[in-house]
Amino acid sequence: MTLAPEKLRSIDHLLLEYFDDKQCITAAYAQKRLLNDDDHDEVSRAYVSQRLINLAEHNHAQNLLDTGLYELVDDPRGDDDDSK
């Protein structure tokens, strides 16, 4: 089951923007970008990983070979927000 756009958290939107910039992302990469780019003072890698896992569980991202490298397969933002 996919996520409805209104069910996305603000961090999910940021992660989806990172997918727009890069083909694949890891929790470590996303956490560093959150801390550097978006002035998130305290966001743990574990929380970022949870959000990526959630996107994967809802068939929006795929964990490539179970390595923690995620690829976006279906953008839950819908056509209006899909910049790809």
N, C-alpha and C. Protein backbone atom coordinates (compact mmCIF):
# COMPACT_ATOMS: atom_id res chain seq x y z
N MET A 1 0.84 -1.17 0.00
CA MET A 1 0.00 0.00 0.00
C MET A 1 0.89 1.24 0.00
N THR A 2 0.56 2.18 -0.85
CA THR A 2 1.36 3.39 -0.95
C THR A 2 0.89 4.45 0.04
N LEU A 3 1.76 5.40 0.29
CA LEU A 3 1.44 6.51 1.19
C LEU A 3 0.71 7.61 0.43
N ALA A 4 -0.33 8.14 1.03
CA ALA A 4 -1.01 9.30 0.46
C ALA A 4 -0.13 10.52 0.71
N PRO A 5 -0.11 11.48 -0.20
CA PRO A 5 0.75 12.66 -0.03
C PRO A 5 0.54 13.37 1.31
N GLU A 6 -0.68 13.40 1.81
CA GLU A 6 -0.94 14.08 3.08
C GLU A 6 -0.40 13.32 4.29
N LYS A 7 0.01 12.07 4.10
CA LYS A 7 0.58 11.28 5.19
C LYS A 7 2.10 11.45 5.31
N LEU A 8 2.70 12.15 4.37
CA LEU A 8 4.15 12.36 4.41
C LEU A 8 4.52 13.38 5.47
N ARG A 9 5.59 13.10 6.18
CA ARG A 9 6.13 14.04 7.17
C ARG A 9 7.06 15.01 6.46
N SER A 10 7.39 16.10 7.14
CA SER A 10 8.27 17.10 6.51
C SER A 10 9.62 16.49 6.14
N ILE A 11 10.12 15.59 6.97
CA ILE A 11 11.41 14.96 6.64
C ILE A 11 11.28 14.08 5.40
N ASP A 12 10.11 13.46 5.21
CA ASP A 12 9.89 12.65 4.01
C ASP A 12 10.01 13.51 2.76
N HIS A 13 9.44 14.70 2.80
CA HIS A 13 9.53 15.60 1.65
C HIS A 13 10.99 15.97 1.36
N LEU A 14 11.78 16.19 2.41
CA LEU A 14 13.19 16.50 2.22
C LEU A 14 13.94 15.31 1.61
N LEU A 15 13.65 14.11 2.11
CA LEU A 15 14.29 12.91 1.55
C LEU A 15 13.93 12.76 0.08
N LEU A 16 12.68 13.02 -0.27
CA LEU A 16 12.27 12.92 -1.67
C LEU A 16 12.98 13.96 -2.53
N GLU A 17 13.23 15.13 -1.97
CA GLU A 17 14.02 16.14 -2.70
C GLU A 17 15.44 15.65 -2.92
N TYR A 18 16.01 14.94 -1.94
CA TYR A 18 17.36 14.40 -2.10
C TYR A 18 17.38 13.36 -3.21
N PHE A 19 16.30 12.56 -3.32
CA PHE A 19 16.20 11.62 -4.43
C PHE A 19 16.14 12.36 -5.76
N ASP A 20 15.53 13.55 -5.78
CA ASP A 20 15.50 14.35 -7.01
C ASP A 20 16.91 14.74 -7.42
N ASP A 21 17.77 15.02 -6.43
CA ASP A 21 19.14 15.46 -6.69
C ASP A 21 20.07 14.30 -7.04
N LYS A 22 19.86 13.17 -6.40
CA LYS A 22 20.73 12.00 -6.56
C LYS A 22 19.87 10.81 -6.94
N GLN A 23 20.42 9.88 -7.68
CA GLN A 23 19.65 8.70 -8.07
C GLN A 23 19.39 7.80 -6.86
N CYS A 24 20.37 7.67 -5.98
CA CYS A 24 20.25 6.83 -4.79
C CYS A 24 20.81 7.60 -3.59
N ILE A 25 20.27 7.29 -2.40
CA ILE A 25 20.77 7.92 -1.17
C ILE A 25 20.87 6.88 -0.06
N THR A 26 21.69 7.19 0.93
CA THR A 26 21.78 6.39 2.15
C THR A 26 21.30 7.25 3.32
N ALA A 27 21.04 6.60 4.44
CA ALA A 27 20.64 7.34 5.64
C ALA A 27 21.76 8.27 6.09
N ALA A 28 23.00 7.82 5.99
CA ALA A 28 24.13 8.66 6.39
C ALA A 28 24.22 9.91 5.53
N TYR A 29 24.07 9.75 4.22
CA TYR A 29 24.10 10.91 3.31
C TYR A 29 22.97 11.87 3.64
N ALA A 30 21.75 11.34 3.79
CA ALA A 30 20.59 12.18 4.05
C ALA A 30 20.72 12.91 5.39
N GLN A 31 21.22 12.22 6.40
CA GLN A 31 21.38 12.86 7.71
C GLN A 31 22.37 14.02 7.62
N LYS A 32 23.48 13.81 6.95
CA LYS A 32 24.48 14.89 6.81
C LYS A 32 23.89 16.07 6.05
N ARG A 33 23.11 15.81 5.01
CA ARG A 33 22.47 16.91 4.27
C ARG A 33 21.46 17.64 5.13
N LEU A 34 20.70 16.90 5.91
CA LEU A 34 19.73 17.54 6.81
C LEU A 34 20.44 18.45 7.79
N LEU A 35 21.53 17.98 8.36
CA LEU A 35 22.27 18.77 9.35
C LEU A 35 22.94 19.97 8.70
N ASN A 36 23.44 19.83 7.48
CA ASN A 36 24.17 20.91 6.82
C ASN A 36 23.27 21.87 6.05
N ASP A 37 22.30 21.34 5.33
CA ASP A 37 21.52 22.17 4.41
C ASP A 37 20.27 22.77 5.01
N ASP A 38 19.62 22.05 5.89
CA ASP A 38 18.29 22.45 6.32
C ASP A 38 18.19 22.84 7.78
N ASP A 39 19.31 23.09 8.40
CA ASP A 39 19.34 23.57 9.78
C ASP A 39 18.57 22.68 10.76
N HIS A 40 18.61 21.38 10.55
CA HIS A 40 18.05 20.45 11.52
C HIS A 40 19.14 20.20 12.56
N ASP A 41 18.93 20.71 13.76
CA ASP A 41 19.95 20.59 14.80
C ASP A 41 20.13 19.16 15.28
N GLU A 42 19.03 18.47 15.45
CA GLU A 42 19.12 17.12 15.99
C GLU A 42 18.24 16.18 15.18
N VAL A 43 18.86 15.47 14.29
CA VAL A 43 18.17 14.40 13.57
C VAL A 43 19.14 13.23 13.52
N SER A 44 18.70 12.11 14.04
CA SER A 44 19.60 10.96 14.12
C SER A 44 19.59 10.17 12.82
N ARG A 45 20.67 9.49 12.58
CA ARG A 45 20.74 8.61 11.41
C ARG A 45 19.70 7.51 11.54
N ALA A 46 19.44 7.06 12.76
CA ALA A 46 18.43 6.02 12.97
C ALA A 46 17.04 6.50 12.54
N TYR A 47 16.71 7.75 12.85
CA TYR A 47 15.41 8.29 12.45
C TYR A 47 15.32 8.42 10.93
N VAL A 48 16.38 8.90 10.31
CA VAL A 48 16.40 9.00 8.86
C VAL A 48 16.25 7.61 8.24
N SER A 49 16.95 6.64 8.81
CA SER A 49 16.84 5.27 8.34
C SER A 49 15.41 4.75 8.47
N GLN A 50 14.75 5.06 9.59
CA GLN A 50 13.35 4.66 9.78
C GLN A 50 12.46 5.23 8.68
N ARG A 51 12.69 6.49 8.34
CA ARG A 51 11.86 7.13 7.31
C ARG A 51 12.12 6.50 5.94
N LEU A 52 13.38 6.15 5.64
CA LEU A 52 13.68 5.48 4.38
C LEU A 52 13.06 4.08 4.35
N ILE A 53 13.13 3.38 5.47
CA ILE A 53 12.50 2.06 5.57
C ILE A 53 11.00 2.18 5.36
N ASN A 54 10.39 3.21 5.95
CA ASN A 54 8.96 3.43 5.78
C ASN A 54 8.61 3.65 4.30
N LEU A 55 9.42 4.44 3.61
CA LEU A 55 9.19 4.64 2.18
C LEU A 55 9.31 3.32 1.42
N ALA A 56 10.27 2.49 1.81
CA ALA A 56 10.45 1.18 1.17
C ALA A 56 9.28 0.25 1.47
N GLU A 57 8.81 0.25 2.72
CA GLU A 57 7.68 -0.61 3.10
C GLU A 57 6.41 -0.26 2.33
N HIS A 58 6.32 1.00 1.91
CA HIS A 58 5.14 1.43 1.15
C HIS A 58 5.42 1.47 -0.36
N ASN A 59 6.49 0.77 -0.76
CA ASN A 59 6.83 0.59 -2.17
C ASN A 59 7.16 1.88 -2.92
N HIS A 60 7.71 2.85 -2.19
CA HIS A 60 8.14 4.09 -2.83
C HIS A 60 9.65 4.10 -3.06
N ALA A 61 10.38 3.35 -2.26
CA ALA A 61 11.83 3.25 -2.39
C ALA A 61 12.22 1.78 -2.31
N GLN A 62 13.40 1.48 -2.81
CA GLN A 62 13.92 0.12 -2.76
C GLN A 62 15.30 0.15 -2.13
N ASN A 63 15.50 -0.72 -1.15
CA ASN A 63 16.81 -0.89 -0.51
C ASN A 63 17.61 -1.84 -1.40
N LEU A 64 18.56 -1.29 -2.13
CA LEU A 64 19.30 -2.07 -3.12
C LEU A 64 20.19 -3.11 -2.46
N LEU A 65 19.90 -4.36 -2.74
CA LEU A 65 20.65 -5.51 -2.22
C LEU A 65 20.80 -5.47 -0.70
N ASP A 66 19.82 -4.88 -0.02
CA ASP A 66 19.84 -4.76 1.45
C ASP A 66 21.12 -4.13 1.97
N THR A 67 21.61 -3.12 1.26
CA THR A 67 22.85 -2.44 1.65
C THR A 67 22.62 -1.12 2.37
N GLY A 68 21.36 -0.65 2.39
CA GLY A 68 21.08 0.66 2.95
C GLY A 68 21.18 1.77 1.92
N LEU A 69 21.42 1.40 0.68
CA LEU A 69 21.42 2.34 -0.44
C LEU A 69 20.02 2.28 -1.06
N TYR A 70 19.31 3.40 -0.98
CA TYR A 70 17.92 3.44 -1.41
C TYR A 70 17.76 4.16 -2.74
N GLU A 71 16.87 3.60 -3.56
CA GLU A 71 16.53 4.18 -4.84
C GLU A 71 15.03 4.47 -4.84
N LEU A 72 14.64 5.62 -5.33
CA LEU A 72 13.23 5.97 -5.42
C LEU A 72 12.61 5.22 -6.59
N VAL A 73 11.49 4.51 -6.34
CA VAL A 73 10.83 3.77 -7.41
C VAL A 73 9.44 4.32 -7.71
N ASP A 74 8.83 5.03 -6.77
CA ASP A 74 7.50 5.60 -6.98
C ASP A 74 7.34 6.81 -6.06
N ASP A 75 7.26 7.98 -6.64
CA ASP A 75 7.20 9.21 -5.86
C ASP A 75 5.81 9.41 -5.26
N PRO A 76 5.68 9.39 -3.93
CA PRO A 76 4.37 9.53 -3.29
C PRO A 76 3.81 10.95 -3.32
N ARG A 77 4.61 11.91 -3.77
CA ARG A 77 4.13 13.29 -3.81
C ARG A 77 3.11 13.50 -4.91
N GLY A 78 3.05 12.58 -5.86
CA GLY A 78 2.11 12.72 -6.96
C GLY A 78 2.70 13.49 -8.11
N ASP A 79 1.95 13.58 -9.19
CA ASP A 79 2.44 14.21 -10.42
C ASP A 79 2.71 15.69 -10.26
N ASP A 80 1.92 16.39 -9.43
CA ASP A 80 2.09 17.83 -9.29
C ASP A 80 3.43 18.21 -8.70
N ASP A 81 3.95 17.40 -7.77
CA ASP A 81 5.20 17.72 -7.09
C ASP A 81 6.38 16.94 -7.64
N ASP A 82 6.14 16.03 -8.57
CA ASP A 82 7.21 15.18 -9.09
C ASP A 82 8.05 15.98 -10.07
N SER A 83 9.29 16.27 -9.68
CA SER A 83 10.15 17.09 -10.53
C SER A 83 11.02 16.26 -11.46
N LYS A 84 10.85 14.94 -11.45
CA LYS A 84 11.64 14.09 -12.34
C LYS A 84 11.04 14.03 -13.71
